[in-house]
């Protein structure tokens, strides 16, 4: 006797979810599927030292290049603006020499 539509749907959903208890012909039931291997953890390596100002300057350079390539992309422009604002010195009117060059390049 053929299976009902409800049982077939239940079997298909269970199969997609990885439950093969209702399967009749899939590879997991026939033991043709590869056995699951345990997940091995990666060796713990110390994180390289991070220089946040240097990373922000590098990000600003990449964002400036992306903005020049696609000036209509408002998301890139917004991120560039926010990165440049984060790079500006707090409480001082004078910007860093690297930033001055970047600001002048962006205004040109």
PDB file of N, CA and C in Angstrom:
ATOM      1  N   UNK A   1       0.842  -1.175   0.000  1.00  0.00           N
ATOM      2  CA  UNK A   1       0.000   0.000   0.000  1.00  0.00           C
ATOM      3  C   UNK A   1       0.891   1.243   0.000  1.00  0.00           C
ATOM      4  N   UNK A   2       0.550   2.225  -0.781  1.00  0.00           N
ATOM      5  CA  UNK A   2       1.340   3.444  -0.915  1.00  0.00           C
ATOM      6  C   UNK A   2       1.187   4.323   0.326  1.00  0.00           C
ATOM      7  N   UNK A   3       2.216   5.113   0.569  1.00  0.00           N
ATOM      8  CA  UNK A   3       2.187   6.036   1.706  1.00  0.00           C
ATOM      9  C   UNK A   3       1.232   7.189   1.423  1.00  0.00           C
ATOM     10  N   UNK A   4       0.673   7.735   2.477  1.00  0.00           N
ATOM     11  CA  UNK A   4      -0.210   8.891   2.313  1.00  0.00           C
ATOM     12  C   UNK A   4       0.638  10.134   2.046  1.00  0.00           C
ATOM     13  N   UNK A   5      -0.028  11.141   1.512  1.00  0.00           N
ATOM     14  CA  UNK A   5       0.668  12.405   1.241  1.00  0.00           C
ATOM     15  C   UNK A   5       1.238  13.000   2.521  1.00  0.00           C
ATOM     16  N   UNK A   6       0.500  12.897   3.598  1.00  0.00           N
ATOM     17  CA  UNK A   6       0.962  13.462   4.871  1.00  0.00           C
ATOM     18  C   UNK A   6       2.247  12.777   5.333  1.00  0.00           C
ATOM     19  N   UNK A   7       2.322  11.457   5.211  1.00  0.00           N
ATOM     20  CA  UNK A   7       3.518  10.735   5.625  1.00  0.00           C
ATOM     21  C   UNK A   7       4.695  11.082   4.730  1.00  0.00           C
ATOM     22  N   UNK A   8       4.459  11.220   3.426  1.00  0.00           N
ATOM     23  CA  UNK A   8       5.537  11.589   2.511  1.00  0.00           C
ATOM     24  C   UNK A   8       6.080  12.978   2.822  1.00  0.00           C
ATOM     25  N   UNK A   9       5.175  13.904   3.120  1.00  0.00           N
ATOM     26  CA  UNK A   9       5.608  15.260   3.463  1.00  0.00           C
ATOM     27  C   UNK A   9       6.396  15.241   4.774  1.00  0.00           C
ATOM     28  N   UNK A  10       5.924  14.474   5.747  1.00  0.00           N
ATOM     29  CA  UNK A  10       6.611  14.375   7.027  1.00  0.00           C
ATOM     30  C   UNK A  10       7.998  13.762   6.849  1.00  0.00           C
ATOM     31  N   UNK A  11       8.093  12.741   6.009  1.00  0.00           N
ATOM     32  CA  UNK A  11       9.362  12.094   5.727  1.00  0.00           C
ATOM     33  C   UNK A  11      10.322  13.057   5.027  1.00  0.00           C
ATOM     34  N   UNK A  12       9.816  13.818   4.073  1.00  0.00           N
ATOM     35  CA  UNK A  12      10.657  14.771   3.342  1.00  0.00           C
ATOM     36  C   UNK A  12      11.175  15.870   4.268  1.00  0.00           C
ATOM     37  N   UNK A  13      10.312  16.389   5.129  1.00  0.00           N
ATOM     38  CA  UNK A  13      10.745  17.435   6.067  1.00  0.00           C
ATOM     39  C   UNK A  13      11.785  16.903   7.044  1.00  0.00           C
ATOM     40  N   UNK A  14      11.552  15.696   7.546  1.00  0.00           N
ATOM     41  CA  UNK A  14      12.507  15.101   8.473  1.00  0.00           C
ATOM     42  C   UNK A  14      13.841  14.857   7.772  1.00  0.00           C
ATOM     43  N   UNK A  15      13.814  14.396   6.537  1.00  0.00           N
ATOM     44  CA  UNK A  15      15.031  14.141   5.775  1.00  0.00           C
ATOM     45  C   UNK A  15      15.820  15.429   5.582  1.00  0.00           C
ATOM     46  N   UNK A  16      15.131  16.499   5.211  1.00  0.00           N
ATOM     47  CA  UNK A  16      15.804  17.788   5.015  1.00  0.00           C
ATOM     48  C   UNK A  16      16.421  18.292   6.311  1.00  0.00           C
ATOM     49  N   UNK A  17      15.792  17.980   7.433  1.00  0.00           N
ATOM     50  CA  UNK A  17      16.293  18.417   8.731  1.00  0.00           C
ATOM     51  C   UNK A  17      17.401  17.506   9.249  1.00  0.00           C
ATOM     52  N   UNK A  18      17.689  16.413   8.543  1.00  0.00           N
ATOM     53  CA  UNK A  18      18.757  15.508   8.955  1.00  0.00           C
ATOM     54  C   UNK A  18      18.287  14.310   9.763  1.00  0.00           C
ATOM     55  N   UNK A  19      16.976  14.185   9.964  1.00  0.00           N
ATOM     56  CA  UNK A  19      16.421  13.042  10.697  1.00  0.00           C
ATOM     57  C   UNK A  19      16.041  11.979   9.671  1.00  0.00           C
ATOM     58  N   UNK A  20      16.752  10.863   9.656  1.00  0.00           N
ATOM     59  CA  UNK A  20      16.524   9.828   8.648  1.00  0.00           C
ATOM     60  C   UNK A  20      15.772   8.624   9.227  1.00  0.00           C
ATOM     61  N   UNK A  21      15.081   8.828  10.340  1.00  0.00           N
ATOM     62  CA  UNK A  21      14.359   7.719  10.958  1.00  0.00           C
ATOM     63  C   UNK A  21      13.175   7.262  10.111  1.00  0.00           C
ATOM     64  N   UNK A  22      12.622   8.119   9.275  1.00  0.00           N
ATOM     65  CA  UNK A  22      11.492   7.752   8.424  1.00  0.00           C
ATOM     66  C   UNK A  22      11.914   7.396   7.000  1.00  0.00           C
ATOM     67  N   UNK A  23      13.194   7.596   6.677  1.00  0.00           N
ATOM     68  CA  UNK A  23      13.664   7.351   5.311  1.00  0.00           C
ATOM     69  C   UNK A  23      13.646   5.871   4.977  1.00  0.00           C
ATOM     70  N   UNK A  24      13.410   5.581   3.693  1.00  0.00           N
ATOM     71  CA  UNK A  24      13.438   4.203   3.220  1.00  0.00           C
ATOM     72  C   UNK A  24      14.611   3.953   2.274  1.00  0.00           C
ATOM     73  N   UNK A  25      14.915   4.935   1.408  1.00  0.00           N
ATOM     74  CA  UNK A  25      15.895   4.677   0.370  1.00  0.00           C
ATOM     75  C   UNK A  25      17.075   5.641   0.356  1.00  0.00           C
ATOM     76  N   UNK A  26      17.179   6.523   1.303  1.00  0.00           N
ATOM     77  CA  UNK A  26      18.279   7.506   1.228  1.00  0.00           C
ATOM     78  C   UNK A  26      19.611   6.846   1.600  1.00  0.00           C
ATOM     79  N   UNK A  27      20.698   7.512   1.272  1.00  0.00           N
ATOM     80  CA  UNK A  27      22.030   6.954   1.488  1.00  0.00           C
ATOM     81  C   UNK A  27      22.329   6.743   2.963  1.00  0.00           C
ATOM     82  N   UNK A  28      21.738   7.548   3.831  1.00  0.00           N
ATOM     83  CA  UNK A  28      21.986   7.391   5.269  1.00  0.00           C
ATOM     84  C   UNK A  28      21.412   6.080   5.771  1.00  0.00           C
ATOM     85  N   UNK A  29      20.285   5.647   5.249  1.00  0.00           N
ATOM     86  CA  UNK A  29      19.669   4.393   5.660  1.00  0.00           C
ATOM     87  C   UNK A  29      20.436   3.213   5.083  1.00  0.00           C
ATOM     88  N   UNK A  30      20.931   3.348   3.862  1.00  0.00           N
ATOM     89  CA  UNK A  30      21.679   2.267   3.219  1.00  0.00           C
ATOM     90  C   UNK A  30      23.115   2.204   3.716  1.00  0.00           C
ATOM     91  N   UNK A  31      23.507   3.081   4.626  1.00  0.00           N
ATOM     92  CA  UNK A  31      24.851   3.145   5.189  1.00  0.00           C
ATOM     93  C   UNK A  31      25.896   3.472   4.139  1.00  0.00           C
ATOM     94  N   UNK A  32      25.506   4.214   3.110  1.00  0.00           N
ATOM     95  CA  UNK A  32      26.453   4.643   2.090  1.00  0.00           C
ATOM     96  C   UNK A  32      27.003   6.028   2.397  1.00  0.00           C
ATOM     97  N   UNK A  33      26.364   6.714   3.291  1.00  0.00           N
ATOM     98  CA  UNK A  33      26.832   8.054   3.623  1.00  0.00           C
ATOM     99  C   UNK A  33      28.103   7.953   4.443  1.00  0.00           C
ATOM    100  N   UNK A  34      28.950   8.951   4.300  1.00  0.00           N
ATOM    101  CA  UNK A  34      30.178   8.973   5.079  1.00  0.00           C
ATOM    102  C   UNK A  34      29.828   9.213   6.545  1.00  0.00           C
ATOM    103  N   UNK A  35      30.510   8.555   7.443  1.00  0.00           N
ATOM    104  CA  UNK A  35      30.228   8.786   8.860  1.00  0.00           C
ATOM    105  C   UNK A  35      30.629  10.204   9.254  1.00  0.00           C
ATOM    106  N   UNK A  36      29.917  10.742  10.205  1.00  0.00           N
ATOM    107  CA  UNK A  36      30.226  12.085  10.678  1.00  0.00           C
ATOM    108  C   UNK A  36      31.540  12.059  11.446  1.00  0.00           C
ATOM    109  N   UNK A  37      32.368  13.017  11.145  1.00  0.00           N
ATOM    110  CA  UNK A  37      33.646  13.124  11.829  1.00  0.00           C
ATOM    111  C   UNK A  37      33.512  14.152  12.944  1.00  0.00           C
ATOM    112  N   UNK A  38      34.199  13.922  14.014  1.00  0.00           N
ATOM    113  CA  UNK A  38      34.203  14.883  15.109  1.00  0.00           C
ATOM    114  C   UNK A  38      34.886  16.168  14.677  1.00  0.00           C
ATOM    115  N   UNK A  39      34.440  17.250  15.194  1.00  0.00           N
ATOM    116  CA  UNK A  39      35.032  18.542  14.870  1.00  0.00           C
ATOM    117  C   UNK A  39      36.289  18.714  15.705  1.00  0.00           C
ATOM    118  N   UNK A  40      37.364  19.001  15.029  1.00  0.00           N
ATOM    119  CA  UNK A  40      38.607  19.241  15.758  1.00  0.00           C
ATOM    120  C   UNK A  40      38.751  20.729  15.997  1.00  0.00           C
ATOM    121  N   UNK A  41      39.242  21.061  17.150  1.00  0.00           N
ATOM    122  CA  UNK A  41      39.410  22.478  17.455  1.00  0.00           C
ATOM    123  C   UNK A  41      40.716  22.971  16.855  1.00  0.00           C
ATOM    124  N   UNK A  42      40.722  24.215  16.513  1.00  0.00           N
ATOM    125  CA  UNK A  42      41.921  24.827  15.962  1.00  0.00           C
ATOM    126  C   UNK A  42      42.900  25.104  17.087  1.00  0.00           C
ATOM    127  N   UNK A  43      44.172  25.030  16.810  1.00  0.00           N
ATOM    128  CA  UNK A  43      45.138  25.341  17.870  1.00  0.00           C
ATOM    129  C   UNK A  43      45.034  26.810  18.255  1.00  0.00           C
ATOM    130  N   UNK A  44      45.161  27.058  19.539  1.00  0.00           N
ATOM    131  CA  UNK A  44      45.064  28.426  20.028  1.00  0.00           C
ATOM    132  C   UNK A  44      46.355  29.163  19.712  1.00  0.00           C
ATOM    133  N   UNK A  45      46.241  30.216  18.926  1.00  0.00           N
ATOM    134  CA  UNK A  45      47.393  31.035  18.592  1.00  0.00           C
ATOM    135  C   UNK A  45      47.170  32.410  19.186  1.00  0.00           C
ATOM    136  N   UNK A  46      48.212  33.003  19.701  1.00  0.00           N
ATOM    137  CA  UNK A  46      48.028  34.344  20.245  1.00  0.00           C
ATOM    138  C   UNK A  46      47.675  35.318  19.127  1.00  0.00           C
ATOM    139  N   UNK A  47      46.763  36.206  19.431  1.00  0.00           N
ATOM    140  CA  UNK A  47      46.348  37.198  18.440  1.00  0.00           C
ATOM    141  C   UNK A  47      47.496  38.171  18.200  1.00  0.00           C
ATOM    142  N   UNK A  48      47.691  38.569  16.943  1.00  0.00           N
ATOM    143  CA  UNK A  48      48.757  39.543  16.680  1.00  0.00           C
ATOM    144  C   UNK A  48      48.395  40.873  17.345  1.00  0.00           C
ATOM    145  N   UNK A  49      49.393  41.627  17.740  1.00  0.00           N
ATOM    146  CA  UNK A  49      49.095  42.913  18.372  1.00  0.00           C
ATOM    147  C   UNK A  49      48.358  43.826  17.389  1.00  0.00           C
ATOM    148  N   UNK A  50      47.379  44.499  17.893  1.00  0.00           N
ATOM    149  CA  UNK A  50      46.530  45.329  17.052  1.00  0.00           C
ATOM    150  C   UNK A  50      46.823  46.798  17.315  1.00  0.00           C
ATOM    151  N   UNK A  51      47.007  47.548  16.245  1.00  0.00           N
ATOM    152  CA  UNK A  51      47.238  48.981  16.347  1.00  0.00           C
ATOM    153  C   UNK A  51      45.997  49.685  15.799  1.00  0.00           C
ATOM    154  N   UNK A  52      45.041  50.028  16.656  1.00  0.00           N
ATOM    155  CA  UNK A  52      43.778  50.597  16.177  1.00  0.00           C
ATOM    156  C   UNK A  52      43.929  51.838  15.287  1.00  0.00           C
ATOM    157  N   UNK A  53      44.770  52.807  15.628  1.00  0.00           N
ATOM    158  CA  UNK A  53      44.888  53.967  14.722  1.00  0.00           C
ATOM    159  C   UNK A  53      45.400  53.587  13.334  1.00  0.00           C
ATOM    160  N   UNK A  54      46.354  52.665  13.287  1.00  0.00           N
ATOM    161  CA  UNK A  54      46.869  52.241  11.979  1.00  0.00           C
ATOM    162  C   UNK A  54      45.799  51.492  11.194  1.00  0.00           C
ATOM    163  N   UNK A  55      45.016  50.668  11.892  1.00  0.00           N
ATOM    164  CA  UNK A  55      43.932  49.943  11.222  1.00  0.00           C
ATOM    165  C   UNK A  55      42.879  50.916  10.696  1.00  0.00           C
ATOM    166  N   UNK A  56      42.561  51.947  11.466  1.00  0.00           N
ATOM    167  CA  UNK A  56      41.588  52.939  11.008  1.00  0.00           C
ATOM    168  C   UNK A  56      42.109  53.699   9.795  1.00  0.00           C
ATOM    169  N   UNK A  57      43.407  54.036   9.804  1.00  0.00           N
ATOM    170  CA  UNK A  57      43.982  54.734   8.640  1.00  0.00           C
ATOM    171  C   UNK A  57      43.929  53.840   7.398  1.00  0.00           C
ATOM    172  N   UNK A  58      44.236  52.555   7.572  1.00  0.00           N
ATOM    173  CA  UNK A  58      44.177  51.626   6.435  1.00  0.00           C
ATOM    174  C   UNK A  58      42.744  51.480   5.943  1.00  0.00           C
ATOM    175  N   UNK A  59      41.795  51.414   6.874  1.00  0.00           N
ATOM    176  CA  UNK A  59      40.386  51.333   6.486  1.00  0.00           C
ATOM    177  C   UNK A  59      39.951  52.588   5.738  1.00  0.00           C
ATOM    178  N   UNK A  60      40.380  53.743   6.216  1.00  0.00           N
ATOM    179  CA  UNK A  60      40.030  54.998   5.545  1.00  0.00           C
ATOM    180  C   UNK A  60      40.589  55.027   4.124  1.00  0.00           C
ATOM    181  N   UNK A  61      41.790  54.521   3.936  1.00  0.00           N
ATOM    182  CA  UNK A  61      42.380  54.480   2.588  1.00  0.00           C
ATOM    183  C   UNK A  61      41.578  53.575   1.662  1.00  0.00           C
ATOM    184  N   UNK A  62      41.197  52.398   2.181  1.00  0.00           N
ATOM    185  CA  UNK A  62      40.404  51.479   1.350  1.00  0.00           C
ATOM    186  C   UNK A  62      39.027  52.066   1.035  1.00  0.00           C
ATOM    187  N   UNK A  63      38.422  52.701   2.032  1.00  0.00           N
ATOM    188  CA  UNK A  63      37.109  53.304   1.802  1.00  0.00           C
ATOM    189  C   UNK A  63      37.193  54.463   0.819  1.00  0.00           C
ATOM    190  N   UNK A  64      38.267  55.242   0.897  1.00  0.00           N
ATOM    191  CA  UNK A  64      38.437  56.352  -0.045  1.00  0.00           C
ATOM    192  C   UNK A  64      38.571  55.826  -1.474  1.00  0.00           C
ATOM    193  N   UNK A  65      39.330  54.744  -1.644  1.00  0.00           N
ATOM    194  CA  UNK A  65      39.470  54.148  -2.985  1.00  0.00           C
ATOM    195  C   UNK A  65      38.131  53.604  -3.476  1.00  0.00           C
ATOM    196  N   UNK A  66      37.369  52.964  -2.582  1.00  0.00           N
ATOM    197  CA  UNK A  66      36.063  52.436  -2.968  1.00  0.00           C
ATOM    198  C   UNK A  66      35.096  53.567  -3.300  1.00  0.00           C
ATOM    199  N   UNK A  67      35.189  54.656  -2.560  1.00  0.00           N
ATOM    200  CA  UNK A  67      34.303  55.800  -2.819  1.00  0.00           C
ATOM    201  C   UNK A  67      34.642  56.471  -4.146  1.00  0.00           C
ATOM    202  N   UNK A  68      35.928  56.542  -4.474  1.00  0.00           N
ATOM    203  CA  UNK A  68      36.311  57.113  -5.765  1.00  0.00           C
ATOM    204  C   UNK A  68      35.837  56.230  -6.915  1.00  0.00           C
ATOM    205  N   UNK A  69      35.861  54.921  -6.712  1.00  0.00           N
ATOM    206  CA  UNK A  69      35.417  54.001  -7.762  1.00  0.00           C
ATOM    207  C   UNK A  69      33.909  54.042  -7.951  1.00  0.00           C
ATOM    208  N   UNK A  70      33.164  54.250  -6.864  1.00  0.00           N
ATOM    209  CA  UNK A  70      31.702  54.276  -6.937  1.00  0.00           C
ATOM    210  C   UNK A  70      31.170  55.412  -6.057  1.00  0.00           C
ATOM    211  N   UNK A  71      31.209  56.664  -6.554  1.00  0.00           N
ATOM    212  CA  UNK A  71      30.797  57.799  -5.730  1.00  0.00           C
ATOM    213  C   UNK A  71      29.303  57.800  -5.397  1.00  0.00           C
ATOM    214  N   UNK A  72      28.494  57.042  -6.109  1.00  0.00           N
ATOM    215  CA  UNK A  72      27.053  57.024  -5.846  1.00  0.00           C
ATOM    216  C   UNK A  72      26.694  56.094  -4.688  1.00  0.00           C
ATOM    217  N   UNK A  73      27.622  55.315  -4.208  1.00  0.00           N
ATOM    218  CA  UNK A  73      27.355  54.375  -3.122  1.00  0.00           C
ATOM    219  C   UNK A  73      27.341  55.137  -1.802  1.00  0.00           C
ATOM    220  N   UNK A  74      26.159  55.362  -1.288  1.00  0.00           N
ATOM    221  CA  UNK A  74      26.021  56.167  -0.076  1.00  0.00           C
ATOM    222  C   UNK A  74      26.505  55.440   1.169  1.00  0.00           C
ATOM    223  N   UNK A  75      26.450  54.107   1.172  1.00  0.00           N
ATOM    224  CA  UNK A  75      26.927  53.363   2.339  1.00  0.00           C
ATOM    225  C   UNK A  75      28.441  53.498   2.500  1.00  0.00           C
ATOM    226  N   UNK A  76      29.164  53.444   1.396  1.00  0.00           N
ATOM    227  CA  UNK A  76      30.615  53.614   1.456  1.00  0.00           C
ATOM    228  C   UNK A  76      30.949  55.030   1.897  1.00  0.00           C
ATOM    229  N   UNK A  77      30.210  56.007   1.364  1.00  0.00           N
ATOM    230  CA  UNK A  77      30.451  57.401   1.737  1.00  0.00           C
ATOM    231  C   UNK A  77      30.200  57.621   3.223  1.00  0.00           C
ATOM    232  N   UNK A  78      29.163  57.014   3.734  1.00  0.00           N
ATOM    233  CA  UNK A  78      28.835  57.166   5.156  1.00  0.00           C
ATOM    234  C   UNK A  78      29.916  56.532   6.027  1.00  0.00           C
ATOM    235  N   UNK A  79      30.355  55.333   5.677  1.00  0.00           N
ATOM    236  CA  UNK A  79      31.402  54.675   6.457  1.00  0.00           C
ATOM    237  C   UNK A  79      32.715  55.444   6.383  1.00  0.00           C
ATOM    238  N   UNK A  80      33.015  56.011   5.211  1.00  0.00           N
ATOM    239  CA  UNK A  80      34.223  56.822   5.075  1.00  0.00           C
ATOM    240  C   UNK A  80      34.140  58.045   5.975  1.00  0.00           C
ATOM    241  N   UNK A  81      32.990  58.699   5.980  1.00  0.00           N
ATOM    242  CA  UNK A  81      32.809  59.874   6.828  1.00  0.00           C
ATOM    243  C   UNK A  81      32.968  59.508   8.293  1.00  0.00           C
ATOM    244  N   UNK A  82      32.361  58.408   8.704  1.00  0.00           N
ATOM    245  CA  UNK A  82      32.446  58.000  10.106  1.00  0.00           C
ATOM    246  C   UNK A  82      33.874  57.601  10.492  1.00  0.00           C
ATOM    247  N   UNK A  83      34.593  56.955   9.581  1.00  0.00           N
ATOM    248  CA  UNK A  83      35.976  56.579   9.854  1.00  0.00           C
ATOM    249  C   UNK A  83      36.858  57.810   9.961  1.00  0.00           C
ATOM    250  N   UNK A  84      36.656  58.764   9.072  1.00  0.00           N
ATOM    251  CA  UNK A  84      37.450  59.993   9.123  1.00  0.00           C
ATOM    252  C   UNK A  84      37.155  60.785  10.391  1.00  0.00           C
ATOM    253  N   UNK A  85      35.900  60.792  10.819  1.00  0.00           N
ATOM    254  CA  UNK A  85      35.562  61.479  12.064  1.00  0.00           C
ATOM    255  C   UNK A  85      36.216  60.797  13.259  1.00  0.00           C
ATOM    256  N   UNK A  86      36.288  59.474  13.227  1.00  0.00           N
ATOM    257  CA  UNK A  86      36.934  58.743  14.319  1.00  0.00           C
ATOM    258  C   UNK A  86      38.432  59.008  14.347  1.00  0.00           C
ATOM    259  N   UNK A  87      39.009  59.293  13.197  1.00  0.00           N
ATOM    260  CA  UNK A  87      40.445  59.550  13.123  1.00  0.00           C
ATOM    261  C   UNK A  87      40.818  60.966  13.534  1.00  0.00           C
ATOM    262  N   UNK A  88      39.865  61.876  13.487  1.00  0.00           N
ATOM    263  CA  UNK A  88      40.170  63.251  13.848  1.00  0.00           C
ATOM    264  C   UNK A  88      40.537  63.327  15.320  1.00  0.00           C
ATOM    265  N   UNK A  89      41.564  64.111  15.645  1.00  0.00           N
ATOM    266  CA  UNK A  89      41.959  64.229  17.046  1.00  0.00           C
ATOM    267  C   UNK A  89      40.840  64.846  17.878  1.00  0.00           C
ATOM    268  N   UNK A  90      40.696  64.341  19.085  1.00  0.00           N
ATOM    269  CA  UNK A  90      39.651  64.833  19.974  1.00  0.00           C
ATOM    270  C   UNK A  90      40.132  66.109  20.660  1.00  0.00           C
ATOM    271  N   UNK A  91      39.344  67.155  20.570  1.00  0.00           N
ATOM    272  CA  UNK A  91      39.646  68.407  21.256  1.00  0.00           C
ATOM    273  C   UNK A  91      40.732  69.234  20.609  1.00  0.00           C
ATOM    274  N   UNK A  92      41.185  68.862  19.453  1.00  0.00           N
ATOM    275  CA  UNK A  92      42.232  69.624  18.782  1.00  0.00           C
ATOM    276  C   UNK A  92      41.779  69.947  17.367  1.00  0.00           C
ATOM    277  N   UNK A  93      42.120  71.129  16.942  1.00  0.00           N
ATOM    278  CA  UNK A  93      41.750  71.570  15.592  1.00  0.00           C
ATOM    279  C   UNK A  93      42.735  71.033  14.553  1.00  0.00           C
ATOM    280  N   UNK A  94      43.968  70.766  14.944  1.00  0.00           N
ATOM    281  CA  UNK A  94      45.001  70.320  14.001  1.00  0.00           C
ATOM    282  C   UNK A  94      44.922  68.817  13.805  1.00  0.00           C
ATOM    283  N   UNK A  95      44.813  68.401  12.559  1.00  0.00           N
ATOM    284  CA  UNK A  95      44.743  66.968  12.243  1.00  0.00           C
ATOM    285  C   UNK A  95      46.140  66.408  12.057  1.00  0.00           C
ATOM    286  N   UNK A  96      46.262  65.126  12.171  1.00  0.00           N
ATOM    287  CA  UNK A  96      47.522  64.432  11.961  1.00  0.00           C
ATOM    288  C   UNK A  96      47.990  64.657  10.523  1.00  0.00           C
ATOM    289  N   UNK A  97      49.289  64.586  10.280  1.00  0.00           N
ATOM    290  CA  UNK A  97      49.831  64.834   8.947  1.00  0.00           C
ATOM    291  C   UNK A  97      49.287  63.836   7.936  1.00  0.00           C
ATOM    292  N   UNK A  98      49.141  62.578   8.348  1.00  0.00           N
ATOM    293  CA  UNK A  98      48.592  61.569   7.434  1.00  0.00           C
ATOM    294  C   UNK A  98      47.151  61.899   7.070  1.00  0.00           C
ATOM    295  N   UNK A  99      46.398  62.333   8.051  1.00  0.00           N
ATOM    296  CA  UNK A  99      44.996  62.658   7.802  1.00  0.00           C
ATOM    297  C   UNK A  99      44.847  63.900   6.944  1.00  0.00           C
ATOM    298  N   UNK A 100      45.745  64.856   7.119  1.00  0.00           N
ATOM    299  CA  UNK A 100      45.675  66.076   6.312  1.00  0.00           C
ATOM    300  C   UNK A 100      45.805  65.729   4.837  1.00  0.00           C
ATOM    301  N   UNK A 101      46.746  64.858   4.515  1.00  0.00           N
ATOM    302  CA  UNK A 101      46.906  64.422   3.130  1.00  0.00           C
ATOM    303  C   UNK A 101      45.686  63.697   2.611  1.00  0.00           C
ATOM    304  N   UNK A 102      45.101  62.861   3.455  1.00  0.00           N
ATOM    305  CA  UNK A 102      43.912  62.117   3.045  1.00  0.00           C
ATOM    306  C   UNK A 102      42.719  63.059   2.849  1.00  0.00           C
ATOM    307  N   UNK A 103      42.557  64.007   3.779  1.00  0.00           N
ATOM    308  CA  UNK A 103      41.458  64.975   3.642  1.00  0.00           C
ATOM    309  C   UNK A 103      41.598  65.807   2.361  1.00  0.00           C
ATOM    310  N   UNK A 104      42.828  66.257   2.081  1.00  0.00           N
ATOM    311  CA  UNK A 104      43.029  67.081   0.889  1.00  0.00           C
ATOM    312  C   UNK A 104      42.804  66.259  -0.381  1.00  0.00           C
ATOM    313  N   UNK A 105      43.173  64.991  -0.357  1.00  0.00           N
ATOM    314  CA  UNK A 105      42.946  64.126  -1.527  1.00  0.00           C
ATOM    315  C   UNK A 105      41.463  63.909  -1.749  1.00  0.00           C
ATOM    316  N   UNK A 106      40.712  63.825  -0.670  1.00  0.00           N
ATOM    317  CA  UNK A 106      39.267  63.597  -0.815  1.00  0.00           C
ATOM    318  C   UNK A 106      38.543  64.853  -1.285  1.00  0.00           C
ATOM    319  N   UNK A 107      39.043  66.019  -0.923  1.00  0.00           N
ATOM    320  CA  UNK A 107      38.385  67.262  -1.316  1.00  0.00           C
ATOM    321  C   UNK A 107      38.697  67.646  -2.741  1.00  0.00           C
ATOM    322  N   UNK A 108      39.739  67.078  -3.330  1.00  0.00           N
ATOM    323  CA  UNK A 108      40.129  67.438  -4.696  1.00  0.00           C
ATOM    324  C   UNK A 108      39.199  66.838  -5.710  1.00  0.00           C
TER     325      UNK A 108
END
